[in-house]
Amino acid sequence: MTQSQLLALLPILFTSLTVILVISSIAIKRHHQFNATFSVIGLNLALLSCGVSYWVGPQLVTPLLIVDGYAYFYMALVLTTALATATLLHAYMEGYKGHKEEVYLLLSLSALGGLIVVCSRHFASFFIGLELLSVPLYGLIGYLVKERRSLEGSMKYLVLSAVASAFILFGMALIYSQLGTLGFAEIGGRIAGQTGNARTVLLLGGAMLLIGIGFKLSLVPFHMWTPDVYEGAPAPVAAYLATASKVSVFAVLLRYFVEAKAYSYPELLDVLTIIAILSIVVGNILALQQDNIKRLLAYSSIAHFGYLLVAFIAGGPLATESVGVYLLTYVVTTLAAFGVVTLMSSPYGNHDADTLWDYRGLFWRRPYLTAILTTSLLSLAGIPLTAGFIGKFYAVAAGVEERRWLLLAFLVGGSAIGLYYYLRAMVQLYLRAPWVRRYSAPLDWAQGTGGAMVIALMVLMLVLGIFPAPFITLIKAAGLN
């Protein structure tokens, strides 16, 4: 391995070192503050190393991994999400009576898996990274062992994730049996000449891969686990699950489509079109019925990945840029929304403030938290001057450029439905209630790192909505060749 390759791998190496240091620290002495600090320092170093490694240029590290501008952008996004989650976990776990330290170990391991996934150009490395990303989530989702919903969510995710992994593995086996390779580019080069039974087997393998990836992205009809798992998971873990785990899988899916020339198969795009439409319709309609904010955000995420598929399916010159912009705006907005839920829940440890009733009249008690949550909901709805508007604008632009009128019609219709339930949740914040539950953030929440982080996210949402040019330039530079 050359020096350039080692420099290119610095984010992965620093994250691996963080895992080793955190597990060693736990073994020597349990200390919540100490272990949380170790994790944040290690993840910060990994994030900073993305900027350093970028100047090395694209590096092919064995046939399994490629570290280029595209990978650096999504590695930075995954690491930023992991850092935000670690910050929220520190505030959240203060009120927890059991062991707190392992949560940072599991988070660092999962982030390491996400980094490997976004660098993958081979199904072997993709599967290894995907399992390293997913397995720690079983423990994170069920970390509140005395909370029945947390354990239930963990068991559901464990069973269904294992089934999805089995589908992916069997799909890979079928593809390898016909092509003799698992490299993305090599698959694209060999698949065109296949006919007869070989083509049938390849179609079956591709369908199995699509089912497994559809589960990881919670696309309809593979979405049934999402609301229950989000509701049961601790609020910071739900934020991570909704962002980093999905971003890394979507990033590698786009790389596969470009390198394997999958855009040249209209049948595959037709299947994805049906999945996108179902995700938009089902996600928005079921969100209308929710009185639990975590379940509402779960169904909202299903709809948002339906919108994202519009830009993905459109392909063309704008596809990579549109997907990058949408994922960036989605991550910032979702982290801010779940950040408010975390800060409202943190004093209680074993139960989240997750019903809309818990937020009734919040403006009269915590105006700053209300401003952050209001901005997040407006951004999710795609209102101008927020980050979400820029993301949807790019999705629409990609669809218009490639004349995907049917998808655009559902995107616009779904956004109109979404506006209703986002506004319904927002109205609760400003209503005066004769009696409300005593769920509230601690008085000094803004002085802590969790409060500072959600304020920074709100500012970033507004900056992305008003002056997105620097971020768009960055995303263009990180495009796929």
Protein backbone atom coordinates (compact mmCIF):
# COMPACT_ATOMS: atom_id res chain seq x y z
CA MET A 1 0.00 0.00 0.00
CA THR A 2 1.41 3.38 -1.03
CA GLN A 3 1.67 6.52 1.09
CA SER A 4 -1.02 8.19 -1.02
CA GLN A 5 -3.42 5.32 -0.38
CA LEU A 6 -2.78 5.52 3.36
CA LEU A 7 -3.43 9.25 3.33
CA ALA A 8 -6.64 8.67 1.38
CA LEU A 9 -7.79 6.20 4.04
CA LEU A 10 -7.17 8.59 6.96
CA PRO A 11 -10.89 9.08 7.76
CA ILE A 12 -11.39 5.33 8.02
CA LEU A 13 -8.17 4.87 10.01
CA PHE A 14 -9.03 7.63 12.50
CA THR A 15 -12.52 6.21 13.01
CA SER A 16 -11.05 2.75 13.57
CA LEU A 17 -8.61 4.21 16.10
CA THR A 18 -11.55 5.90 17.85
CA VAL A 19 -13.28 2.53 18.23
CA ILE A 20 -10.11 1.01 19.77
CA LEU A 21 -9.58 3.92 22.16
CA VAL A 22 -13.20 3.98 23.32
CA ILE A 23 -13.32 0.23 23.99
CA SER A 24 -9.98 0.43 25.82
CA SER A 25 -11.19 3.37 27.87
CA ILE A 26 -14.34 1.47 28.89
CA ALA A 27 -12.24 -1.53 29.90
CA ILE A 28 -9.94 0.60 32.07
CA LYS A 29 -12.52 2.86 33.75
CA ARG A 30 -16.14 3.74 33.10
CA HIS A 31 -16.63 7.49 32.86
CA HIS A 32 -19.39 9.01 30.74
CA GLN A 33 -17.75 12.39 30.12
CA PHE A 34 -14.37 10.85 29.40
CA ASN A 35 -15.67 8.32 26.85
CA ALA A 36 -17.93 10.85 25.16
CA THR A 37 -14.97 13.23 24.79
CA PHE A 38 -12.78 10.47 23.33
CA SER A 39 -15.46 9.68 20.75
CA VAL A 40 -16.00 13.29 19.72
CA ILE A 41 -12.26 13.99 19.41
CA GLY A 42 -11.74 10.87 17.27
CA LEU A 43 -14.68 11.63 14.98
CA ASN A 44 -13.55 15.26 14.65
CA LEU A 45 -10.08 14.12 13.60
CA ALA A 46 -11.65 11.77 11.05
CA LEU A 47 -13.78 14.62 9.70
CA LEU A 48 -10.82 17.01 9.46
CA SER A 49 -8.77 14.32 7.71
CA CYS A 50 -11.37 14.26 4.90
CA GLY A 51 -10.17 17.75 3.95
CA VAL A 52 -6.52 16.75 4.19
CA SER A 53 -6.99 13.53 2.21
CA TYR A 54 -8.98 15.28 -0.53
CA TRP A 55 -5.79 16.89 -1.86
CA VAL A 56 -4.19 13.49 -2.41
CA GLY A 57 -6.60 12.94 -5.30
CA PRO A 58 -8.65 9.87 -6.19
CA GLN A 59 -7.09 6.63 -4.97
CA LEU A 60 -8.06 3.06 -5.84
CA VAL A 61 -7.31 1.04 -2.70
CA THR A 62 -7.46 -2.57 -3.91
CA PRO A 63 -10.39 -3.46 -6.20
CA LEU A 64 -12.73 -3.09 -3.21
CA LEU A 65 -12.50 0.60 -2.30
CA ILE A 66 -12.21 3.86 -4.19
CA VAL A 67 -11.56 7.10 -2.30
CA ASP A 68 -12.40 10.07 -4.51
CA GLY A 69 -14.13 13.45 -4.16
CA TYR A 70 -17.54 11.77 -4.17
CA ALA A 71 -16.52 9.45 -1.33
CA TYR A 72 -14.98 12.31 0.69
CA PHE A 73 -18.21 14.33 0.51
CA TYR A 74 -20.36 11.48 1.77
CA MET A 75 -17.78 10.41 4.35
CA ALA A 76 -17.85 13.98 5.69
CA LEU A 77 -21.66 13.85 5.76
CA VAL A 78 -21.68 10.53 7.66
CA LEU A 79 -19.04 11.75 10.14
CA THR A 80 -20.87 15.05 10.71
CA THR A 81 -24.04 13.10 11.44
CA ALA A 82 -22.18 10.80 13.82
CA LEU A 83 -20.71 13.83 15.62
CA ALA A 84 -24.13 15.45 15.94
CA THR A 85 -25.55 12.17 17.26
CA ALA A 86 -22.73 11.81 19.80
CA THR A 87 -23.39 15.38 20.99
CA LEU A 88 -27.10 14.68 21.37
CA LEU A 89 -26.40 11.37 23.10
CA HIS A 90 -24.26 13.12 25.70
CA ALA A 91 -27.21 15.31 26.70
CA TYR A 92 -29.70 12.46 26.40
CA MET A 93 -27.79 9.87 28.43
CA GLU A 94 -27.19 12.15 31.43
CA GLY A 95 -30.50 11.03 32.90
CA TYR A 96 -29.98 7.33 32.16
CA LYS A 97 -29.33 5.12 35.19
CA GLY A 98 -27.57 2.19 33.48
CA HIS A 99 -24.17 1.97 31.77
CA LYS A 100 -23.81 4.84 29.32
CA GLU A 101 -20.37 4.37 27.77
CA GLU A 102 -21.05 1.58 25.26
CA VAL A 103 -23.37 3.82 23.30
CA TYR A 104 -20.35 5.74 21.93
CA LEU A 105 -18.58 2.51 20.98
CA LEU A 106 -21.61 1.31 19.02
CA LEU A 107 -21.98 4.70 17.32
CA SER A 108 -18.31 4.79 16.26
CA LEU A 109 -18.51 1.23 14.89
CA SER A 110 -21.61 2.08 12.89
CA ALA A 111 -19.98 5.25 11.51
CA LEU A 112 -16.98 3.15 10.43
CA GLY A 113 -19.32 0.87 8.51
CA GLY A 114 -20.91 3.89 6.82
CA LEU A 115 -17.48 5.12 5.67
CA ILE A 116 -16.67 1.75 4.12
CA VAL A 117 -20.03 1.66 2.34
CA VAL A 118 -19.59 5.06 0.66
CA CYS A 119 -16.11 4.09 -0.57
CA SER A 120 -17.23 0.74 -1.98
CA ARG A 121 -16.97 -0.11 -5.67
CA HIS A 122 -17.37 -3.85 -5.13
CA PHE A 123 -20.25 -5.80 -3.60
CA ALA A 124 -17.95 -7.60 -1.13
CA SER A 125 -16.81 -4.36 0.52
CA PHE A 126 -20.36 -3.00 0.27
CA PHE A 127 -21.76 -5.97 2.20
CA ILE A 128 -19.03 -5.86 4.86
CA GLY A 129 -19.55 -2.14 5.37
CA LEU A 130 -23.33 -2.52 5.40
CA GLU A 131 -23.23 -5.13 8.15
CA LEU A 132 -20.76 -3.08 10.18
CA LEU A 133 -23.14 -0.15 9.78
CA SER A 134 -26.27 -2.14 10.70
CA VAL A 135 -25.27 -4.54 13.50
CA PRO A 136 -24.35 -1.81 16.07
CA LEU A 137 -27.77 -0.26 15.39
CA TYR A 138 -29.44 -3.31 16.97
CA GLY A 139 -27.81 -2.38 20.25
CA LEU A 140 -28.32 1.37 19.85
CA ILE A 141 -32.05 1.03 19.14
CA GLY A 142 -32.57 -1.25 22.15
CA TYR A 143 -30.18 0.60 24.45
CA LEU A 144 -32.92 1.64 26.87
CA VAL A 145 -33.36 -1.93 28.09
CA LYS A 146 -36.10 -1.05 30.60
CA GLU A 147 -38.25 0.56 27.91
CA ARG A 148 -40.48 -2.00 26.19
CA ARG A 149 -40.83 -0.01 22.97
CA SER A 150 -37.05 0.27 22.66
CA LEU A 151 -36.55 -3.49 22.89
CA GLU A 152 -39.46 -4.12 20.52
CA GLY A 153 -37.97 -1.73 17.96
CA SER A 154 -34.58 -3.40 18.27
CA MET A 155 -36.01 -6.88 17.73
CA LYS A 156 -38.02 -5.77 14.69
CA TYR A 157 -34.99 -4.10 13.15
CA LEU A 158 -32.78 -7.10 13.92
CA VAL A 159 -35.08 -9.65 12.31
CA LEU A 160 -36.03 -7.60 9.26
CA SER A 161 -32.50 -6.30 8.72
CA ALA A 162 -31.20 -9.87 8.80
CA VAL A 163 -33.79 -10.86 6.18
CA ALA A 164 -32.80 -7.87 4.01
CA SER A 165 -29.11 -8.81 4.33
CA ALA A 166 -29.97 -12.37 3.26
CA PHE A 167 -31.71 -11.02 0.16
CA ILE A 168 -28.67 -8.87 -0.68
CA LEU A 169 -26.27 -11.77 -0.15
CA PHE A 170 -28.30 -14.18 -2.27
CA GLY A 171 -28.67 -11.53 -4.99
CA MET A 172 -24.90 -11.07 -5.02
CA ALA A 173 -24.42 -14.85 -5.29
CA LEU A 174 -26.75 -15.08 -8.30
CA ILE A 175 -24.97 -12.21 -10.06
CA TYR A 176 -21.56 -13.72 -9.36
CA SER A 177 -22.70 -17.13 -10.65
CA GLN A 178 -23.34 -15.65 -14.09
CA LEU A 179 -20.71 -12.92 -14.38
CA GLY A 180 -17.82 -14.14 -12.23
CA THR A 181 -17.28 -10.70 -10.73
CA LEU A 182 -18.75 -8.41 -8.06
CA GLY A 183 -17.05 -5.16 -9.11
CA PHE A 184 -19.52 -2.45 -10.09
CA ALA A 185 -17.77 -1.44 -13.33
CA GLU A 186 -17.05 -5.06 -14.31
CA ILE A 187 -20.71 -6.00 -13.84
CA GLY A 188 -21.72 -3.19 -16.16
CA GLY A 189 -19.23 -4.36 -18.78
CA ARG A 190 -20.33 -8.01 -18.77
CA ILE A 191 -24.07 -7.86 -18.21
CA ALA A 192 -24.95 -6.45 -21.64
CA GLY A 193 -24.00 -9.64 -23.48
CA GLN A 194 -26.06 -12.00 -21.32
CA THR A 195 -29.12 -13.68 -22.84
CA GLY A 196 -31.57 -16.50 -22.10
CA ASN A 197 -31.36 -18.23 -18.72
CA ALA A 198 -28.34 -16.19 -17.67
CA ARG A 199 -30.30 -12.96 -18.10
CA THR A 200 -33.21 -14.41 -16.07
CA VAL A 201 -30.87 -15.31 -13.20
CA LEU A 202 -29.31 -11.84 -13.32
CA LEU A 203 -32.77 -10.22 -13.20
CA LEU A 204 -33.63 -12.33 -10.17
CA GLY A 205 -30.35 -11.37 -8.48
CA GLY A 206 -30.94 -7.70 -9.23
CA ALA A 207 -34.47 -7.93 -7.81
CA MET A 208 -33.14 -9.45 -4.58
CA LEU A 209 -30.56 -6.69 -4.26
CA LEU A 210 -33.26 -4.09 -4.81
CA ILE A 211 -35.44 -5.64 -2.07
CA GLY A 212 -32.58 -5.57 0.44
CA ILE A 213 -31.57 -2.01 -0.40
CA GLY A 214 -35.23 -0.93 -0.37
CA PHE A 215 -35.44 -2.14 3.23
CA LYS A 216 -32.32 -0.22 4.26
CA LEU A 217 -33.77 2.95 2.69
CA SER A 218 -37.30 2.19 4.03
CA LEU A 219 -38.88 2.52 0.60
CA VAL A 220 -42.43 1.26 0.05
CA PRO A 221 -43.30 -1.66 0.15
CA PHE A 222 -40.29 -2.44 2.39
CA HIS A 223 -41.07 0.30 4.90
CA MET A 224 -43.21 -1.39 7.58
CA TRP A 225 -40.44 -1.44 10.20
CA THR A 226 -39.72 2.28 10.04
CA PRO A 227 -42.34 3.94 12.31
CA ASP A 228 -42.10 1.30 15.06
CA VAL A 229 -38.29 1.40 15.12
CA TYR A 230 -38.14 5.20 15.08
CA GLU A 231 -40.69 5.36 17.90
CA GLY A 232 -38.86 2.78 20.03
CA ALA A 233 -35.31 4.02 19.44
CA PRO A 234 -33.81 6.73 21.67
CA ALA A 235 -34.30 10.08 19.92
CA PRO A 236 -30.59 10.61 18.98
CA VAL A 237 -30.39 7.06 17.59
CA ALA A 238 -33.53 7.66 15.53
CA ALA A 239 -31.80 10.77 14.13
CA TYR A 240 -28.76 8.70 13.14
CA LEU A 241 -30.91 5.93 11.69
CA ALA A 242 -32.88 8.44 9.59
CA THR A 243 -29.75 10.13 8.24
CA ALA A 244 -26.32 8.46 8.24
CA SER A 245 -27.46 4.88 7.62
CA LYS A 246 -29.63 5.94 4.67
CA VAL A 247 -27.19 8.48 3.22
CA SER A 248 -24.38 5.93 2.96
CA VAL A 249 -26.58 3.31 1.26
CA PHE A 250 -28.04 5.84 -1.19
CA ALA A 251 -24.56 7.14 -2.04
CA VAL A 252 -23.27 3.68 -2.97
CA LEU A 253 -26.48 2.95 -4.93
CA LEU A 254 -25.86 6.02 -7.09
CA ARG A 255 -22.22 5.00 -7.62
CA TYR A 256 -23.34 1.52 -8.69
CA PHE A 257 -25.87 2.91 -11.18
CA VAL A 258 -23.25 5.17 -12.76
CA GLU A 259 -20.37 2.65 -12.85
CA ALA A 260 -22.50 -0.33 -13.91
CA LYS A 261 -24.36 1.78 -16.53
CA ALA A 262 -27.68 0.72 -14.98
CA TYR A 263 -29.39 3.82 -16.43
CA SER A 264 -29.39 2.07 -19.81
CA TYR A 265 -32.03 -0.45 -18.61
CA PRO A 266 -35.51 1.12 -18.87
CA GLU A 267 -37.19 -1.80 -17.07
CA LEU A 268 -35.14 -1.13 -13.94
CA LEU A 269 -36.01 2.57 -14.02
CA ASP A 270 -39.70 1.66 -14.41
CA VAL A 271 -39.55 -0.47 -11.26
CA LEU A 272 -37.85 2.37 -9.37
CA THR A 273 -40.50 4.78 -10.66
CA ILE A 274 -43.25 2.61 -9.14
CA ILE A 275 -41.34 2.40 -5.84
CA ALA A 276 -40.86 6.20 -5.82
CA ILE A 277 -44.56 6.87 -6.44
CA LEU A 278 -45.63 4.37 -3.76
CA SER A 279 -43.17 5.86 -1.27
CA ILE A 280 -44.46 9.40 -1.86
CA VAL A 281 -48.13 8.41 -1.66
CA VAL A 282 -47.95 5.96 1.27
CA GLY A 283 -45.47 8.04 3.29
CA ASN A 284 -47.54 11.21 3.06
CA ILE A 285 -50.96 9.62 3.58
CA LEU A 286 -49.89 7.63 6.64
CA ALA A 287 -48.13 10.69 8.10
CA LEU A 288 -51.49 12.48 8.09
CA GLN A 289 -52.77 10.09 10.77
CA GLN A 290 -49.88 10.45 13.24
CA ASP A 291 -50.04 12.10 16.66
CA ASN A 292 -46.54 10.90 17.55
CA ILE A 293 -43.79 13.19 16.23
CA LYS A 294 -41.25 10.38 15.84
CA ARG A 295 -43.70 8.31 13.79
CA LEU A 296 -44.58 11.42 11.78
CA LEU A 297 -40.89 11.98 11.00
CA ALA A 298 -40.57 8.28 10.09
CA TYR A 299 -43.32 8.44 7.48
CA SER A 300 -41.96 11.80 6.37
CA SER A 301 -38.56 10.18 5.71
CA ILE A 302 -40.26 7.52 3.56
CA ALA A 303 -41.85 10.28 1.47
CA HIS A 304 -38.58 12.22 1.27
CA PHE A 305 -36.69 9.26 -0.14
CA GLY A 306 -39.49 8.95 -2.68
CA TYR A 307 -38.79 12.57 -3.67
CA LEU A 308 -35.08 11.79 -3.76
CA LEU A 309 -35.71 8.91 -6.16
CA VAL A 310 -37.18 11.44 -8.61
CA ALA A 311 -33.75 13.07 -8.97
CA PHE A 312 -32.07 9.65 -8.91
CA ILE A 313 -34.26 8.16 -11.66
CA ALA A 314 -33.98 11.27 -13.82
CA GLY A 315 -30.26 10.66 -14.23
CA GLY A 316 -28.52 13.00 -16.63
CA PRO A 317 -25.93 15.65 -15.75
CA LEU A 318 -27.95 16.96 -12.78
CA ALA A 319 -28.50 13.60 -11.04
CA THR A 320 -25.37 13.46 -8.87
CA GLU A 321 -25.60 17.14 -7.97
CA SER A 322 -29.33 16.94 -7.17
CA VAL A 323 -28.91 13.87 -4.97
CA GLY A 324 -26.02 15.50 -3.10
CA VAL A 325 -27.94 18.73 -2.48
CA TYR A 326 -31.08 16.88 -1.39
CA LEU A 327 -29.23 14.58 1.00
CA LEU A 328 -27.33 17.49 2.55
CA THR A 329 -30.50 19.50 3.17
CA TYR A 330 -32.37 16.43 4.42
CA VAL A 331 -29.62 15.52 6.90
CA VAL A 332 -29.37 19.03 8.36
CA THR A 333 -33.15 19.35 8.71
CA THR A 334 -33.77 15.89 10.18
CA LEU A 335 -30.95 16.23 12.70
CA ALA A 336 -32.38 19.55 13.89
CA ALA A 337 -35.90 18.11 14.29
CA PHE A 338 -34.70 15.06 16.22
CA GLY A 339 -32.34 17.33 18.18
CA VAL A 340 -35.31 19.20 19.62
CA VAL A 341 -37.00 15.89 20.51
CA THR A 342 -33.78 14.80 22.24
CA LEU A 343 -33.45 17.98 24.28
CA MET A 344 -37.10 17.74 25.30
CA SER A 345 -36.57 14.13 26.37
CA SER A 346 -33.10 14.15 27.90
CA PRO A 347 -34.02 14.81 31.57
CA TYR A 348 -36.13 11.67 31.69
CA GLY A 349 -33.81 9.07 30.16
CA ASN A 350 -36.20 6.16 29.83
CA HIS A 351 -39.04 7.80 27.89
CA ASP A 352 -39.09 10.31 25.07
CA ALA A 353 -41.33 13.34 24.70
CA ASP A 354 -42.67 12.09 21.40
CA THR A 355 -46.40 12.82 21.20
CA LEU A 356 -47.62 16.08 19.68
CA TRP A 357 -49.41 16.78 22.96
CA ASP A 358 -46.01 16.99 24.68
CA TYR A 359 -45.20 19.98 22.43
CA ARG A 360 -48.50 21.80 22.86
CA GLY A 361 -47.79 25.37 23.98
CA LEU A 362 -44.01 24.88 23.80
CA PHE A 363 -43.60 28.42 22.48
CA TRP A 364 -44.78 29.84 25.82
CA ARG A 365 -42.20 27.80 27.75
CA ARG A 366 -39.21 27.38 25.38
CA PRO A 367 -39.34 29.89 22.51
CA TYR A 368 -35.85 29.02 21.22
CA LEU A 369 -36.61 25.32 20.90
CA THR A 370 -39.90 26.23 19.23
CA ALA A 371 -38.06 28.39 16.67
CA ILE A 372 -35.69 25.51 15.83
CA LEU A 373 -38.49 22.94 15.46
CA THR A 374 -40.61 25.38 13.43
CA THR A 375 -37.71 26.01 11.04
CA SER A 376 -37.14 22.25 10.72
CA LEU A 377 -40.79 21.55 9.90
CA LEU A 378 -40.87 24.39 7.36
CA SER A 379 -37.70 23.01 5.78
CA LEU A 380 -39.16 19.49 5.59
CA ALA A 381 -42.20 21.01 3.89
CA GLY A 382 -39.92 22.71 1.33
CA ILE A 383 -40.84 26.31 2.16
CA PRO A 384 -38.64 28.97 0.44
CA LEU A 385 -35.69 30.45 2.38
CA THR A 386 -35.08 27.07 4.08
CA ALA A 387 -32.72 24.24 3.14
CA GLY A 388 -35.59 21.93 2.19
CA PHE A 389 -36.71 24.26 -0.60
CA ILE A 390 -33.29 24.05 -2.28
CA GLY A 391 -33.35 20.25 -2.08
CA LYS A 392 -36.79 19.99 -3.65
CA PHE A 393 -35.94 22.61 -6.25
CA TYR A 394 -33.01 20.49 -7.42
CA ALA A 395 -35.15 17.34 -7.48
CA VAL A 396 -37.74 19.15 -9.62
CA ALA A 397 -35.03 20.59 -11.89
CA ALA A 398 -33.56 17.11 -12.50
CA GLY A 399 -37.02 15.73 -13.27
CA VAL A 400 -37.86 18.58 -15.66
CA GLU A 401 -34.55 18.23 -17.49
CA GLU A 402 -35.26 14.55 -18.20
CA ARG A 403 -39.04 15.07 -18.72
CA ARG A 404 -40.18 12.81 -15.89
CA TRP A 405 -43.61 14.42 -15.75
CA LEU A 406 -45.41 11.61 -13.89
CA LEU A 407 -42.87 11.60 -11.09
CA LEU A 408 -42.97 15.38 -10.89
CA ALA A 409 -46.75 15.33 -10.57
CA PHE A 410 -46.51 13.00 -7.57
CA LEU A 411 -43.66 15.04 -6.08
CA VAL A 412 -45.76 18.23 -6.20
CA GLY A 413 -48.89 16.47 -4.95
CA GLY A 414 -46.99 14.75 -2.12
CA SER A 415 -45.42 18.05 -1.07
CA ALA A 416 -48.88 19.63 -0.89
CA ILE A 417 -50.12 16.82 1.39
CA GLY A 418 -46.96 17.09 3.49
CA LEU A 419 -47.57 20.79 4.04
CA TYR A 420 -50.78 19.94 5.90
CA TYR A 421 -49.30 17.60 8.51
CA TYR A 422 -46.18 19.72 9.03
CA LEU A 423 -48.38 22.75 9.68
CA ARG A 424 -50.63 20.69 11.97
CA ALA A 425 -47.58 19.78 14.08
CA MET A 426 -46.39 23.38 14.01
CA VAL A 427 -49.69 24.79 15.22
CA GLN A 428 -49.43 22.65 18.38
CA LEU A 429 -46.31 24.57 19.38
CA TYR A 430 -48.18 27.86 19.66
CA LEU A 431 -51.47 26.76 21.24
CA ARG A 432 -52.08 27.64 24.86
CA ALA A 433 -53.11 24.53 26.80
CA PRO A 434 -54.81 24.52 30.21
CA TRP A 435 -52.63 21.59 31.16
CA VAL A 436 -49.56 20.11 29.56
CA ARG A 437 -47.25 17.29 30.53
CA ARG A 438 -44.12 18.39 32.30
CA TYR A 439 -41.85 17.40 29.46
CA SER A 440 -39.48 20.24 28.88
CA ALA A 441 -35.85 20.96 28.20
CA PRO A 442 -33.69 21.89 31.17
CA LEU A 443 -33.42 25.62 31.74
CA ASP A 444 -29.74 25.72 30.80
CA TRP A 445 -30.11 23.60 27.64
CA ALA A 446 -28.66 26.27 25.34
CA GLN A 447 -25.45 26.41 27.40
CA GLY A 448 -24.71 22.76 26.67
CA THR A 449 -23.20 21.32 23.50
CA GLY A 450 -26.55 19.78 22.51
CA GLY A 451 -28.30 23.16 22.58
CA ALA A 452 -25.46 24.85 20.71
CA MET A 453 -25.52 22.12 18.08
CA VAL A 454 -29.26 22.42 17.29
CA ILE A 455 -28.94 26.21 17.09
CA ALA A 456 -26.07 25.75 14.62
CA LEU A 457 -28.23 23.38 12.57
CA MET A 458 -31.04 25.93 12.44
CA VAL A 459 -28.60 28.61 11.24
CA LEU A 460 -27.24 26.18 8.63
CA MET A 461 -30.79 25.45 7.42
CA LEU A 462 -31.36 29.15 6.83
CA VAL A 463 -27.94 29.68 5.22
CA LEU A 464 -28.56 26.77 2.84
CA GLY A 465 -31.94 28.24 1.96
CA ILE A 466 -30.75 31.83 1.44
CA PHE A 467 -27.17 31.43 0.15
CA PRO A 468 -26.58 27.84 -1.05
CA ALA A 469 -23.91 28.68 -3.67
CA PRO A 470 -20.79 27.58 -1.65
CA PHE A 471 -22.37 24.24 -0.78
CA ILE A 472 -23.49 23.64 -4.37
CA THR A 473 -19.95 24.37 -5.59
CA LEU A 474 -18.62 21.81 -3.11
CA ILE A 475 -21.14 19.19 -4.25
CA LYS A 476 -20.32 19.82 -7.92
CA ALA A 477 -16.63 19.26 -7.18
CA ALA A 478 -17.53 15.95 -5.50
CA GLY A 479 -19.48 14.61 -8.48
CA LEU A 480 -18.99 11.21 -10.07
CA ASN A 481 -16.94 11.16 -13.25
